[in-house]
């Protein structure tokens, strides 16, 4: 119900997929005067929307697949401040890499540990929180669904919780105290203040323990149910081992060394899936050293795992142009 003489402001934000990114379109601002009620129409029954996407196994799976595809697609830009490129920026800030082009405005802030409060240093903030929103939406929708196949529901819920924990791990390690968003309710999120990093870690550990118990120990095919034949695994969906590997790292960060050792030992002892091979195959697709990887969605040189090119020295020696 809308009372007389109250102005209502509606903003419609549309995202149009433009290759590796999105274009933000702000459409009309409308004021309503003297209306008694706001009429809301249901979504068209022929469309895929939040009301029905989690009622069907295939469409629910596509939500998580969409997250992975988006992450892989954003990996093509060597200097994009997106989640897949975080290893490049963190390696620069930790002096694991040497920056030869000191005029690069994106990379120099991390290399000199002199982040600016404005873009591009805030790029990770604005690119990772939308992923968290989708993960939160998936957790809510999957949990509420009464029609998903039980095994699919369990797997997807585990994947969504893993993704949320993965995002928060990098956000809190880059920004410290951050808003802890675990809902899609804008009335709640609009007023959220920053949470202490200790509370962020508690949420991450909870999500990863949930994910470890929900996710399959096997690498699953596109139906999120059927395991790959032994030796032919495509390691592109998170498993319980991915959750446990990230848990081991979190436990180290919070000085819980006993649990860190236990989690790491579980993975190390699983030699049927993980083993150290020869250097010639260590970085190839589906290497036995891989715990979880993104499936390529682009074609061409440097179109996926773009930051990997940073580690390849040309025959002529280091050259800043490669950055």
C-alpha atoms as a PDB file:
ATOM      1  CA  UNK A   1       0.000   0.000   0.000  1.00  0.00           C
ATOM      2  CA  UNK A   2       1.299   3.455  -0.893  1.00  0.00           C
ATOM      3  CA  UNK A   3      -0.178   6.448   0.929  1.00  0.00           C
ATOM      4  CA  UNK A   4      -1.198   9.683  -0.813  1.00  0.00           C
ATOM      5  CA  UNK A   5       1.436  12.389  -1.254  1.00  0.00           C
ATOM      6  CA  UNK A   6       4.375   9.950  -0.824  1.00  0.00           C
ATOM      7  CA  UNK A   7       6.888   9.968  -3.655  1.00  0.00           C
ATOM      8  CA  UNK A   8       8.214   6.563  -4.644  1.00  0.00           C
ATOM      9  CA  UNK A   9      11.483   6.238  -6.475  1.00  0.00           C
ATOM     10  CA  UNK A  10      11.966   3.218  -8.753  1.00  0.00           C
ATOM     11  CA  UNK A  11      15.261   2.497 -10.355  1.00  0.00           C
ATOM     12  CA  UNK A  12      15.686  -0.317 -12.759  1.00  0.00           C
ATOM     13  CA  UNK A  13      19.197  -1.590 -13.307  1.00  0.00           C
ATOM     14  CA  UNK A  14      19.807  -3.874 -16.235  1.00  0.00           C
ATOM     15  CA  UNK A  15      22.966  -5.773 -16.924  1.00  0.00           C
ATOM     16  CA  UNK A  16      23.646  -6.524 -20.571  1.00  0.00           C
ATOM     17  CA  UNK A  17      26.288  -9.139 -21.172  1.00  0.00           C
ATOM     18  CA  UNK A  18      29.080  -7.546 -23.181  1.00  0.00           C
ATOM     19  CA  UNK A  19      31.723 -10.200 -23.687  1.00  0.00           C
ATOM     20  CA  UNK A  20      33.930 -10.375 -20.613  1.00  0.00           C
ATOM     21  CA  UNK A  21      32.115  -7.619 -18.742  1.00  0.00           C
ATOM     22  CA  UNK A  22      28.790  -5.967 -18.232  1.00  0.00           C
ATOM     23  CA  UNK A  23      27.260  -2.681 -19.266  1.00  0.00           C
ATOM     24  CA  UNK A  24      25.220  -0.913 -16.614  1.00  0.00           C
ATOM     25  CA  UNK A  25      22.094   0.768 -17.897  1.00  0.00           C
ATOM     26  CA  UNK A  26      20.139   3.077 -15.645  1.00  0.00           C
ATOM     27  CA  UNK A  27      16.608   3.457 -16.915  1.00  0.00           C
ATOM     28  CA  UNK A  28      13.965   5.923 -15.891  1.00  0.00           C
ATOM     29  CA  UNK A  29      13.377   7.433 -12.500  1.00  0.00           C
ATOM     30  CA  UNK A  30       9.639   7.522 -11.882  1.00  0.00           C
ATOM     31  CA  UNK A  31       7.734   9.335  -9.166  1.00  0.00           C
ATOM     32  CA  UNK A  32       4.261   8.235  -8.173  1.00  0.00           C
ATOM     33  CA  UNK A  33       1.796  10.695  -6.698  1.00  0.00           C
ATOM     34  CA  UNK A  34      -1.527   9.975  -5.047  1.00  0.00           C
ATOM     35  CA  UNK A  35      -1.579   6.217  -5.729  1.00  0.00           C
ATOM     36  CA  UNK A  36      -3.252   3.790  -3.379  1.00  0.00           C
ATOM     37  CA  UNK A  37      -1.401   0.592  -4.216  1.00  0.00           C
ATOM     38  CA  UNK A  38       1.425  -0.714  -6.318  1.00  0.00           C
ATOM     39  CA  UNK A  39       0.462  -3.463  -8.732  1.00  0.00           C
ATOM     40  CA  UNK A  40       3.119  -6.163  -9.155  1.00  0.00           C
ATOM     41  CA  UNK A  41       2.867  -8.604 -12.027  1.00  0.00           C
ATOM     42  CA  UNK A  42       4.218 -12.131 -11.721  1.00  0.00           C
ATOM     43  CA  UNK A  43       7.189 -13.115 -13.847  1.00  0.00           C
ATOM     44  CA  UNK A  44       6.233 -14.676 -17.196  1.00  0.00           C
ATOM     45  CA  UNK A  45       5.824 -18.455 -16.746  1.00  0.00           C
ATOM     46  CA  UNK A  46       7.978 -19.042 -19.825  1.00  0.00           C
ATOM     47  CA  UNK A  47      11.010 -17.201 -18.395  1.00  0.00           C
ATOM     48  CA  UNK A  48      13.788 -18.423 -16.139  1.00  0.00           C
ATOM     49  CA  UNK A  49      13.788 -16.296 -12.995  1.00  0.00           C
ATOM     50  CA  UNK A  50      14.544 -16.503  -9.292  1.00  0.00           C
ATOM     51  CA  UNK A  51      11.079 -17.894  -8.641  1.00  0.00           C
ATOM     52  CA  UNK A  52      11.590 -21.020 -10.738  1.00  0.00           C
ATOM     53  CA  UNK A  53      15.283 -21.473 -11.516  1.00  0.00           C
ATOM     54  CA  UNK A  54      15.752 -23.762  -8.503  1.00  0.00           C
ATOM     55  CA  UNK A  55      12.754 -25.934  -9.306  1.00  0.00           C
ATOM     56  CA  UNK A  56      14.611 -27.887 -11.980  1.00  0.00           C
ATOM     57  CA  UNK A  57      17.950 -29.727 -11.791  1.00  0.00           C
ATOM     58  CA  UNK A  58      19.236 -28.435 -15.134  1.00  0.00           C
ATOM     59  CA  UNK A  59      18.499 -24.759 -14.502  1.00  0.00           C
ATOM     60  CA  UNK A  60      19.823 -24.917 -10.941  1.00  0.00           C
ATOM     61  CA  UNK A  61      23.065 -26.480 -12.193  1.00  0.00           C
ATOM     62  CA  UNK A  62      23.339 -23.710 -14.787  1.00  0.00           C
ATOM     63  CA  UNK A  63      23.496 -21.080 -12.011  1.00  0.00           C
ATOM     64  CA  UNK A  64      26.688 -22.590 -10.577  1.00  0.00           C
ATOM     65  CA  UNK A  65      28.056 -23.284 -14.056  1.00  0.00           C
ATOM     66  CA  UNK A  66      27.472 -19.619 -14.815  1.00  0.00           C
ATOM     67  CA  UNK A  67      29.684 -18.586 -11.890  1.00  0.00           C
ATOM     68  CA  UNK A  68      32.527 -20.791 -13.119  1.00  0.00           C
ATOM     69  CA  UNK A  69      32.142 -19.617 -16.717  1.00  0.00           C
ATOM     70  CA  UNK A  70      32.167 -15.978 -15.616  1.00  0.00           C
ATOM     71  CA  UNK A  71      35.315 -16.503 -13.568  1.00  0.00           C
ATOM     72  CA  UNK A  72      37.041 -18.220 -16.486  1.00  0.00           C
ATOM     73  CA  UNK A  73      35.916 -15.559 -18.934  1.00  0.00           C
ATOM     74  CA  UNK A  74      37.337 -12.790 -16.752  1.00  0.00           C
ATOM     75  CA  UNK A  75      40.667 -14.580 -16.571  1.00  0.00           C
ATOM     76  CA  UNK A  76      41.698 -13.440 -20.058  1.00  0.00           C
ATOM     77  CA  UNK A  77      42.694  -9.914 -18.997  1.00  0.00           C
ATOM     78  CA  UNK A  78      46.102  -9.966 -17.333  1.00  0.00           C
ATOM     79  CA  UNK A  79      45.473  -6.796 -15.333  1.00  0.00           C
ATOM     80  CA  UNK A  80      41.737  -7.036 -14.617  1.00  0.00           C
ATOM     81  CA  UNK A  81      40.853  -6.716 -10.937  1.00  0.00           C
ATOM     82  CA  UNK A  82      38.737  -9.858 -10.934  1.00  0.00           C
ATOM     83  CA  UNK A  83      38.847 -12.931  -8.713  1.00  0.00           C
ATOM     84  CA  UNK A  84      40.921 -15.125 -11.092  1.00  0.00           C
ATOM     85  CA  UNK A  85      43.599 -12.413 -11.346  1.00  0.00           C
ATOM     86  CA  UNK A  86      43.981 -12.077  -7.588  1.00  0.00           C
ATOM     87  CA  UNK A  87      47.071 -14.319  -7.557  1.00  0.00           C
ATOM     88  CA  UNK A  88      48.903 -11.836  -9.783  1.00  0.00           C
ATOM     89  CA  UNK A  89      48.143  -8.837  -7.551  1.00  0.00           C
ATOM     90  CA  UNK A  90      48.848 -10.662  -4.299  1.00  0.00           C
ATOM     91  CA  UNK A  91      52.120 -12.015  -5.713  1.00  0.00           C
ATOM     92  CA  UNK A  92      53.158  -8.465  -6.604  1.00  0.00           C
ATOM     93  CA  UNK A  93      52.357  -7.186  -3.114  1.00  0.00           C
ATOM     94  CA  UNK A  94      54.289 -10.082  -1.548  1.00  0.00           C
ATOM     95  CA  UNK A  95      57.339  -9.538  -3.803  1.00  0.00           C
ATOM     96  CA  UNK A  96      56.975 -12.941  -5.418  1.00  0.00           C
ATOM     97  CA  UNK A  97      57.006 -11.146  -8.769  1.00  0.00           C
ATOM     98  CA  UNK A  98      59.005  -8.226 -10.088  1.00  0.00           C
ATOM     99  CA  UNK A  99      57.155  -5.414 -11.850  1.00  0.00           C
ATOM    100  CA  UNK A 100      59.204  -3.977 -14.692  1.00  0.00           C
ATOM    101  CA  UNK A 101      56.638  -1.462 -15.917  1.00  0.00           C
ATOM    102  CA  UNK A 102      56.407   0.967 -13.010  1.00  0.00           C
ATOM    103  CA  UNK A 103      54.023   3.173 -14.973  1.00  0.00           C
ATOM    104  CA  UNK A 104      51.162   0.661 -14.844  1.00  0.00           C
ATOM    105  CA  UNK A 105      48.466   2.333 -12.644  1.00  0.00           C
ATOM    106  CA  UNK A 106      46.774  -0.986 -11.817  1.00  0.00           C
ATOM    107  CA  UNK A 107      49.795  -2.979 -10.746  1.00  0.00           C
ATOM    108  CA  UNK A 108      52.051  -0.350  -9.181  1.00  0.00           C
ATOM    109  CA  UNK A 109      49.743   0.151  -6.188  1.00  0.00           C
ATOM    110  CA  UNK A 110      50.084  -3.494  -5.215  1.00  0.00           C
ATOM    111  CA  UNK A 111      53.787  -3.728  -5.996  1.00  0.00           C
ATOM    112  CA  UNK A 112      54.574  -0.738  -3.767  1.00  0.00           C
ATOM    113  CA  UNK A 113      51.875  -1.573  -1.187  1.00  0.00           C
ATOM    114  CA  UNK A 114      50.352   1.871  -1.650  1.00  0.00           C
ATOM    115  CA  UNK A 115      46.714   1.149  -2.436  1.00  0.00           C
ATOM    116  CA  UNK A 116      44.496   4.089  -3.288  1.00  0.00           C
ATOM    117  CA  UNK A 117      40.935   4.381  -1.885  1.00  0.00           C
ATOM    118  CA  UNK A 118      39.687   4.832  -5.450  1.00  0.00           C
ATOM    119  CA  UNK A 119      39.775   2.605  -8.504  1.00  0.00           C
ATOM    120  CA  UNK A 120      41.598   0.552  -9.648  1.00  0.00           C
ATOM    121  CA  UNK A 121      42.600  -0.676  -6.179  1.00  0.00           C
ATOM    122  CA  UNK A 122      38.933  -1.174  -5.237  1.00  0.00           C
ATOM    123  CA  UNK A 123      38.233  -3.269  -8.319  1.00  0.00           C
ATOM    124  CA  UNK A 124      38.265  -6.558  -6.448  1.00  0.00           C
ATOM    125  CA  UNK A 125      35.632  -5.216  -4.053  1.00  0.00           C
ATOM    126  CA  UNK A 126      33.212  -4.373  -6.848  1.00  0.00           C
ATOM    127  CA  UNK A 127      33.871  -7.530  -8.861  1.00  0.00           C
ATOM    128  CA  UNK A 128      33.750 -10.138  -6.062  1.00  0.00           C
ATOM    129  CA  UNK A 129      30.652  -8.998  -4.154  1.00  0.00           C
ATOM    130  CA  UNK A 130      28.373  -9.698  -7.167  1.00  0.00           C
ATOM    131  CA  UNK A 131      29.652 -13.298  -7.116  1.00  0.00           C
ATOM    132  CA  UNK A 132      28.785 -13.480  -3.420  1.00  0.00           C
ATOM    133  CA  UNK A 133      25.295 -12.204  -4.232  1.00  0.00           C
ATOM    134  CA  UNK A 134      24.765 -15.032  -6.742  1.00  0.00           C
ATOM    135  CA  UNK A 135      26.126 -17.567  -4.237  1.00  0.00           C
ATOM    136  CA  UNK A 136      23.760 -16.224  -1.555  1.00  0.00           C
ATOM    137  CA  UNK A 137      20.855 -16.402  -3.981  1.00  0.00           C
ATOM    138  CA  UNK A 138      21.767 -19.982  -4.849  1.00  0.00           C
ATOM    139  CA  UNK A 139      22.039 -20.996  -1.191  1.00  0.00           C
ATOM    140  CA  UNK A 140      18.608 -19.510  -0.454  1.00  0.00           C
ATOM    141  CA  UNK A 141      16.947 -20.940  -3.564  1.00  0.00           C
ATOM    142  CA  UNK A 142      18.469 -24.413  -3.317  1.00  0.00           C
ATOM    143  CA  UNK A 143      17.713 -24.682   0.401  1.00  0.00           C
ATOM    144  CA  UNK A 144      14.068 -23.706  -0.153  1.00  0.00           C
ATOM    145  CA  UNK A 145      13.517 -25.925  -3.200  1.00  0.00           C
ATOM    146  CA  UNK A 146      11.263 -28.948  -2.776  1.00  0.00           C
ATOM    147  CA  UNK A 147      11.664 -30.264  -6.324  1.00  0.00           C
ATOM    148  CA  UNK A 148      15.405 -30.672  -6.893  1.00  0.00           C
ATOM    149  CA  UNK A 149      16.813 -34.182  -6.922  1.00  0.00           C
ATOM    150  CA  UNK A 150      18.262 -34.826  -3.465  1.00  0.00           C
ATOM    151  CA  UNK A 151      21.774 -35.580  -4.716  1.00  0.00           C
ATOM    152  CA  UNK A 152      21.807 -32.528  -7.002  1.00  0.00           C
ATOM    153  CA  UNK A 153      20.495 -30.301  -4.222  1.00  0.00           C
ATOM    154  CA  UNK A 154      23.241 -31.472  -1.877  1.00  0.00           C
ATOM    155  CA  UNK A 155      26.026 -31.025  -4.438  1.00  0.00           C
ATOM    156  CA  UNK A 156      24.933 -27.557  -5.583  1.00  0.00           C
ATOM    157  CA  UNK A 157      24.456 -26.305  -2.035  1.00  0.00           C
ATOM    158  CA  UNK A 158      27.987 -27.452  -1.249  1.00  0.00           C
ATOM    159  CA  UNK A 159      29.354 -25.713  -4.351  1.00  0.00           C
ATOM    160  CA  UNK A 160      27.582 -22.445  -3.516  1.00  0.00           C
ATOM    161  CA  UNK A 161      28.932 -22.450   0.039  1.00  0.00           C
ATOM    162  CA  UNK A 162      32.424 -23.223  -1.241  1.00  0.00           C
ATOM    163  CA  UNK A 163      32.260 -20.305  -3.697  1.00  0.00           C
ATOM    164  CA  UNK A 164      31.059 -17.909  -0.982  1.00  0.00           C
ATOM    165  CA  UNK A 165      33.896 -18.954   1.326  1.00  0.00           C
ATOM    166  CA  UNK A 166      36.415 -18.690  -1.521  1.00  0.00           C
ATOM    167  CA  UNK A 167      35.296 -15.127  -2.247  1.00  0.00           C
ATOM    168  CA  UNK A 168      35.383 -14.010   1.367  1.00  0.00           C
ATOM    169  CA  UNK A 169      38.845 -15.505   1.874  1.00  0.00           C
ATOM    170  CA  UNK A 170      40.345 -13.184  -0.729  1.00  0.00           C
ATOM    171  CA  UNK A 171      38.223 -10.168   0.190  1.00  0.00           C
ATOM    172  CA  UNK A 172      39.143 -10.204   3.866  1.00  0.00           C
ATOM    173  CA  UNK A 173      42.811 -10.795   3.127  1.00  0.00           C
ATOM    174  CA  UNK A 174      42.862  -7.771   0.842  1.00  0.00           C
ATOM    175  CA  UNK A 175      40.603  -5.419   2.809  1.00  0.00           C
ATOM    176  CA  UNK A 176      40.573  -6.697   6.400  1.00  0.00           C
ATOM    177  CA  UNK A 177      37.243  -5.865   8.060  1.00  0.00           C
ATOM    178  CA  UNK A 178      34.508  -6.096   5.417  1.00  0.00           C
ATOM    179  CA  UNK A 179      30.690  -6.337   5.262  1.00  0.00           C
ATOM    180  CA  UNK A 180      29.620  -9.946   5.822  1.00  0.00           C
ATOM    181  CA  UNK A 181      26.695 -10.432   3.427  1.00  0.00           C
ATOM    182  CA  UNK A 182      24.898 -13.772   3.736  1.00  0.00           C
ATOM    183  CA  UNK A 183      21.483 -12.746   2.395  1.00  0.00           C
ATOM    184  CA  UNK A 184      19.980 -11.231  -0.749  1.00  0.00           C
ATOM    185  CA  UNK A 185      17.527  -9.083   1.237  1.00  0.00           C
ATOM    186  CA  UNK A 186      18.413  -5.520   0.246  1.00  0.00           C
ATOM    187  CA  UNK A 187      16.698  -4.157   3.371  1.00  0.00           C
ATOM    188  CA  UNK A 188      19.374  -5.936   5.392  1.00  0.00           C
ATOM    189  CA  UNK A 189      22.378  -5.454   3.144  1.00  0.00           C
ATOM    190  CA  UNK A 190      21.878  -1.723   2.576  1.00  0.00           C
ATOM    191  CA  UNK A 191      22.674  -0.977   6.234  1.00  0.00           C
ATOM    192  CA  UNK A 192      25.437  -3.521   6.817  1.00  0.00           C
ATOM    193  CA  UNK A 193      28.585  -2.222   8.447  1.00  0.00           C
ATOM    194  CA  UNK A 194      31.973  -3.899   8.256  1.00  0.00           C
ATOM    195  CA  UNK A 195      32.453  -7.052  10.324  1.00  0.00           C
ATOM    196  CA  UNK A 196      35.677  -7.864  12.134  1.00  0.00           C
ATOM    197  CA  UNK A 197      37.997 -10.141  10.202  1.00  0.00           C
ATOM    198  CA  UNK A 198      37.745 -12.710  12.994  1.00  0.00           C
ATOM    199  CA  UNK A 199      34.003 -12.969  12.296  1.00  0.00           C
ATOM    200  CA  UNK A 200      34.655 -13.320   8.556  1.00  0.00           C
ATOM    201  CA  UNK A 201      36.950 -16.274   9.249  1.00  0.00           C
ATOM    202  CA  UNK A 202      34.301 -17.912  11.440  1.00  0.00           C
ATOM    203  CA  UNK A 203      31.821 -17.705   8.539  1.00  0.00           C
ATOM    204  CA  UNK A 204      34.399 -19.028   6.065  1.00  0.00           C
ATOM    205  CA  UNK A 205      35.211 -22.034   8.268  1.00  0.00           C
ATOM    206  CA  UNK A 206      31.501 -22.753   8.754  1.00  0.00           C
ATOM    207  CA  UNK A 207      30.808 -22.583   5.011  1.00  0.00           C
ATOM    208  CA  UNK A 208      33.783 -24.789   4.168  1.00  0.00           C
ATOM    209  CA  UNK A 209      32.899 -27.407   6.778  1.00  0.00           C
ATOM    210  CA  UNK A 210      29.351 -27.458   5.388  1.00  0.00           C
ATOM    211  CA  UNK A 211      30.748 -27.725   1.861  1.00  0.00           C
ATOM    212  CA  UNK A 212      33.127 -30.536   2.837  1.00  0.00           C
ATOM    213  CA  UNK A 213      30.188 -32.550   4.178  1.00  0.00           C
ATOM    214  CA  UNK A 214      27.936 -31.782   1.196  1.00  0.00           C
ATOM    215  CA  UNK A 215      30.293 -32.065  -1.763  1.00  0.00           C
ATOM    216  CA  UNK A 216      31.149 -35.308  -3.502  1.00  0.00           C
ATOM    217  CA  UNK A 217      34.631 -36.771  -2.997  1.00  0.00           C
ATOM    218  CA  UNK A 218      34.597 -37.527  -6.737  1.00  0.00           C
ATOM    219  CA  UNK A 219      34.913 -35.168  -9.689  1.00  0.00           C
ATOM    220  CA  UNK A 220      31.446 -34.995 -11.217  1.00  0.00           C
ATOM    221  CA  UNK A 221      30.273 -34.543 -14.774  1.00  0.00           C
ATOM    222  CA  UNK A 222      27.922 -31.831 -16.021  1.00  0.00           C
ATOM    223  CA  UNK A 223      24.850 -33.418 -14.370  1.00  0.00           C
ATOM    224  CA  UNK A 224      26.479 -32.812 -10.963  1.00  0.00           C
ATOM    225  CA  UNK A 225      25.810 -36.463 -10.079  1.00  0.00           C
ATOM    226  CA  UNK A 226      27.795 -38.844 -12.288  1.00  0.00           C
ATOM    227  CA  UNK A 227      31.506 -39.297 -11.462  1.00  0.00           C
ATOM    228  CA  UNK A 228      34.088 -39.324 -14.243  1.00  0.00           C
ATOM    229  CA  UNK A 229      35.759 -42.664 -14.954  1.00  0.00           C
ATOM    230  CA  UNK A 230      38.985 -43.157 -13.020  1.00  0.00           C
ATOM    231  CA  UNK A 231      41.902 -41.449 -14.713  1.00  0.00           C
ATOM    232  CA  UNK A 232      39.668 -39.311 -16.948  1.00  0.00           C
ATOM    233  CA  UNK A 233      38.534 -36.747 -14.381  1.00  0.00           C
ATOM    234  CA  UNK A 234      37.791 -33.219 -15.496  1.00  0.00           C
ATOM    235  CA  UNK A 235      38.654 -31.295 -12.329  1.00  0.00           C
ATOM    236  CA  UNK A 236      36.280 -28.421 -12.990  1.00  0.00           C
ATOM    237  CA  UNK A 237      33.686 -28.795 -10.225  1.00  0.00           C
ATOM    238  CA  UNK A 238      34.690 -28.251  -6.594  1.00  0.00           C
ATOM    239  CA  UNK A 239      34.859 -31.428  -4.505  1.00  0.00           C
ATOM    240  CA  UNK A 240      35.131 -32.044  -0.780  1.00  0.00           C
ATOM    241  CA  UNK A 241      38.898 -31.969  -1.337  1.00  0.00           C
ATOM    242  CA  UNK A 242      38.763 -28.397  -2.640  1.00  0.00           C
ATOM    243  CA  UNK A 243      36.852 -27.391   0.489  1.00  0.00           C
ATOM    244  CA  UNK A 244      39.337 -29.215   2.701  1.00  0.00           C
ATOM    245  CA  UNK A 245      42.345 -27.667   0.919  1.00  0.00           C
ATOM    246  CA  UNK A 246      40.995 -24.170   1.480  1.00  0.00           C
ATOM    247  CA  UNK A 247      40.169 -25.099   5.084  1.00  0.00           C
ATOM    248  CA  UNK A 248      43.796 -26.115   5.625  1.00  0.00           C
ATOM    249  CA  UNK A 249      44.907 -22.700   4.438  1.00  0.00           C
ATOM    250  CA  UNK A 250      42.346 -20.863   6.579  1.00  0.00           C
ATOM    251  CA  UNK A 251      43.412 -22.801   9.668  1.00  0.00           C
ATOM    252  CA  UNK A 252      46.991 -21.685   9.068  1.00  0.00           C
ATOM    253  CA  UNK A 253      45.863 -18.052   8.848  1.00  0.00           C
ATOM    254  CA  UNK A 254      44.042 -18.280  12.184  1.00  0.00           C
ATOM    255  CA  UNK A 255      46.865 -20.240  13.869  1.00  0.00           C
ATOM    256  CA  UNK A 256      44.845 -23.431  14.241  1.00  0.00           C
ATOM    257  CA  UNK A 257      47.795 -25.615  13.309  1.00  0.00           C
ATOM    258  CA  UNK A 258      46.348 -28.947  14.456  1.00  0.00           C
ATOM    259  CA  UNK A 259      43.329 -28.657  12.148  1.00  0.00           C
ATOM    260  CA  UNK A 260      45.513 -27.286   9.343  1.00  0.00           C
ATOM    261  CA  UNK A 261      47.723 -30.366   9.551  1.00  0.00           C
ATOM    262  CA  UNK A 262      44.746 -32.730   9.685  1.00  0.00           C
ATOM    263  CA  UNK A 263      43.057 -31.166   6.637  1.00  0.00           C
ATOM    264  CA  UNK A 264      46.267 -31.090   4.594  1.00  0.00           C
ATOM    265  CA  UNK A 265      47.095 -34.682   5.563  1.00  0.00           C
ATOM    266  CA  UNK A 266      43.714 -35.905   4.299  1.00  0.00           C
ATOM    267  CA  UNK A 267      44.508 -34.539   0.850  1.00  0.00           C
ATOM    268  CA  UNK A 268      48.151 -35.618   0.761  1.00  0.00           C
ATOM    269  CA  UNK A 269      47.213 -39.188   1.666  1.00  0.00           C
ATOM    270  CA  UNK A 270      44.611 -39.381  -1.122  1.00  0.00           C
ATOM    271  CA  UNK A 271      47.151 -40.595  -3.697  1.00  0.00           C
ATOM    272  CA  UNK A 272      44.476 -42.043  -5.965  1.00  0.00           C
ATOM    273  CA  UNK A 273      43.516 -38.466  -6.932  1.00  0.00           C
ATOM    274  CA  UNK A 274      46.478 -36.285  -6.000  1.00  0.00           C
ATOM    275  CA  UNK A 275      50.128 -36.932  -6.598  1.00  0.00           C
ATOM    276  CA  UNK A 276      53.296 -35.147  -7.616  1.00  0.00           C
ATOM    277  CA  UNK A 277      54.074 -35.940 -11.230  1.00  0.00           C
ATOM    278  CA  UNK A 278      56.906 -34.885 -13.493  1.00  0.00           C
ATOM    279  CA  UNK A 279      57.423 -31.190 -14.147  1.00  0.00           C
ATOM    280  CA  UNK A 280      56.458 -31.702 -17.807  1.00  0.00           C
ATOM    281  CA  UNK A 281      52.839 -32.475 -16.862  1.00  0.00           C
ATOM    282  CA  UNK A 282      52.449 -30.473 -13.633  1.00  0.00           C
ATOM    283  CA  UNK A 283      50.723 -27.528 -15.318  1.00  0.00           C
ATOM    284  CA  UNK A 284      48.687 -29.416 -17.904  1.00  0.00           C
ATOM    285  CA  UNK A 285      44.909 -29.786 -17.838  1.00  0.00           C
ATOM    286  CA  UNK A 286      43.683 -32.238 -15.208  1.00  0.00           C
ATOM    287  CA  UNK A 287      47.145 -32.680 -13.707  1.00  0.00           C
ATOM    288  CA  UNK A 288      47.218 -34.948 -10.666  1.00  0.00           C
ATOM    289  CA  UNK A 289      48.451 -31.903  -8.729  1.00  0.00           C
ATOM    290  CA  UNK A 290      45.239 -29.999  -9.518  1.00  0.00           C
ATOM    291  CA  UNK A 291      42.587 -29.890  -6.802  1.00  0.00           C
ATOM    292  CA  UNK A 292      40.160 -27.563  -8.599  1.00  0.00           C
ATOM    293  CA  UNK A 293      40.447 -25.618 -11.840  1.00  0.00           C
ATOM    294  CA  UNK A 294      38.296 -23.514 -14.148  1.00  0.00           C
ATOM    295  CA  UNK A 295      37.182 -24.882 -17.494  1.00  0.00           C
ATOM    296  CA  UNK A 296      38.342 -22.657 -20.399  1.00  0.00           C
ATOM    297  CA  UNK A 297      35.531 -20.772 -22.126  1.00  0.00           C
ATOM    298  CA  UNK A 298      37.594 -18.664 -24.542  1.00  0.00           C
ATOM    299  CA  UNK A 299      39.816 -19.339 -27.521  1.00  0.00           C
ATOM    300  CA  UNK A 300      43.216 -17.975 -28.417  1.00  0.00           C
ATOM    301  CA  UNK A 301      46.500 -17.137 -26.730  1.00  0.00           C
ATOM    302  CA  UNK A 302      46.211 -15.875 -23.134  1.00  0.00           C
ATOM    303  CA  UNK A 303      42.419 -16.223 -23.278  1.00  0.00           C
ATOM    304  CA  UNK A 304      42.366 -18.343 -20.119  1.00  0.00           C
ATOM    305  CA  UNK A 305      44.628 -18.381 -17.054  1.00  0.00           C
ATOM    306  CA  UNK A 306      46.029 -15.176 -18.477  1.00  0.00           C
ATOM    307  CA  UNK A 307      48.193 -14.407 -15.472  1.00  0.00           C
ATOM    308  CA  UNK A 308      50.196 -17.559 -16.275  1.00  0.00           C
ATOM    309  CA  UNK A 309      51.921 -15.621 -19.047  1.00  0.00           C
ATOM    310  CA  UNK A 310      53.523 -13.445 -16.380  1.00  0.00           C
ATOM    311  CA  UNK A 311      55.628 -16.405 -15.246  1.00  0.00           C
ATOM    312  CA  UNK A 312      57.022 -17.203 -18.711  1.00  0.00           C
ATOM    313  CA  UNK A 313      60.242 -15.372 -19.486  1.00  0.00           C
ATOM    314  CA  UNK A 314      60.981 -14.700 -23.158  1.00  0.00           C
ATOM    315  CA  UNK A 315      64.247 -15.947 -24.654  1.00  0.00           C
ATOM    316  CA  UNK A 316      65.527 -12.354 -24.643  1.00  0.00           C
ATOM    317  CA  UNK A 317      64.985 -11.999 -20.916  1.00  0.00           C
ATOM    318  CA  UNK A 318      62.430  -9.985 -18.853  1.00  0.00           C
ATOM    319  CA  UNK A 319      60.581  -7.302 -20.776  1.00  0.00           C
ATOM    320  CA  UNK A 320      57.950  -5.049 -19.215  1.00  0.00           C
ATOM    321  CA  UNK A 321      55.911  -5.128 -22.417  1.00  0.00           C
ATOM    322  CA  UNK A 322      54.675  -8.607 -21.551  1.00  0.00           C
ATOM    323  CA  UNK A 323      52.786  -7.054 -18.615  1.00  0.00           C
END
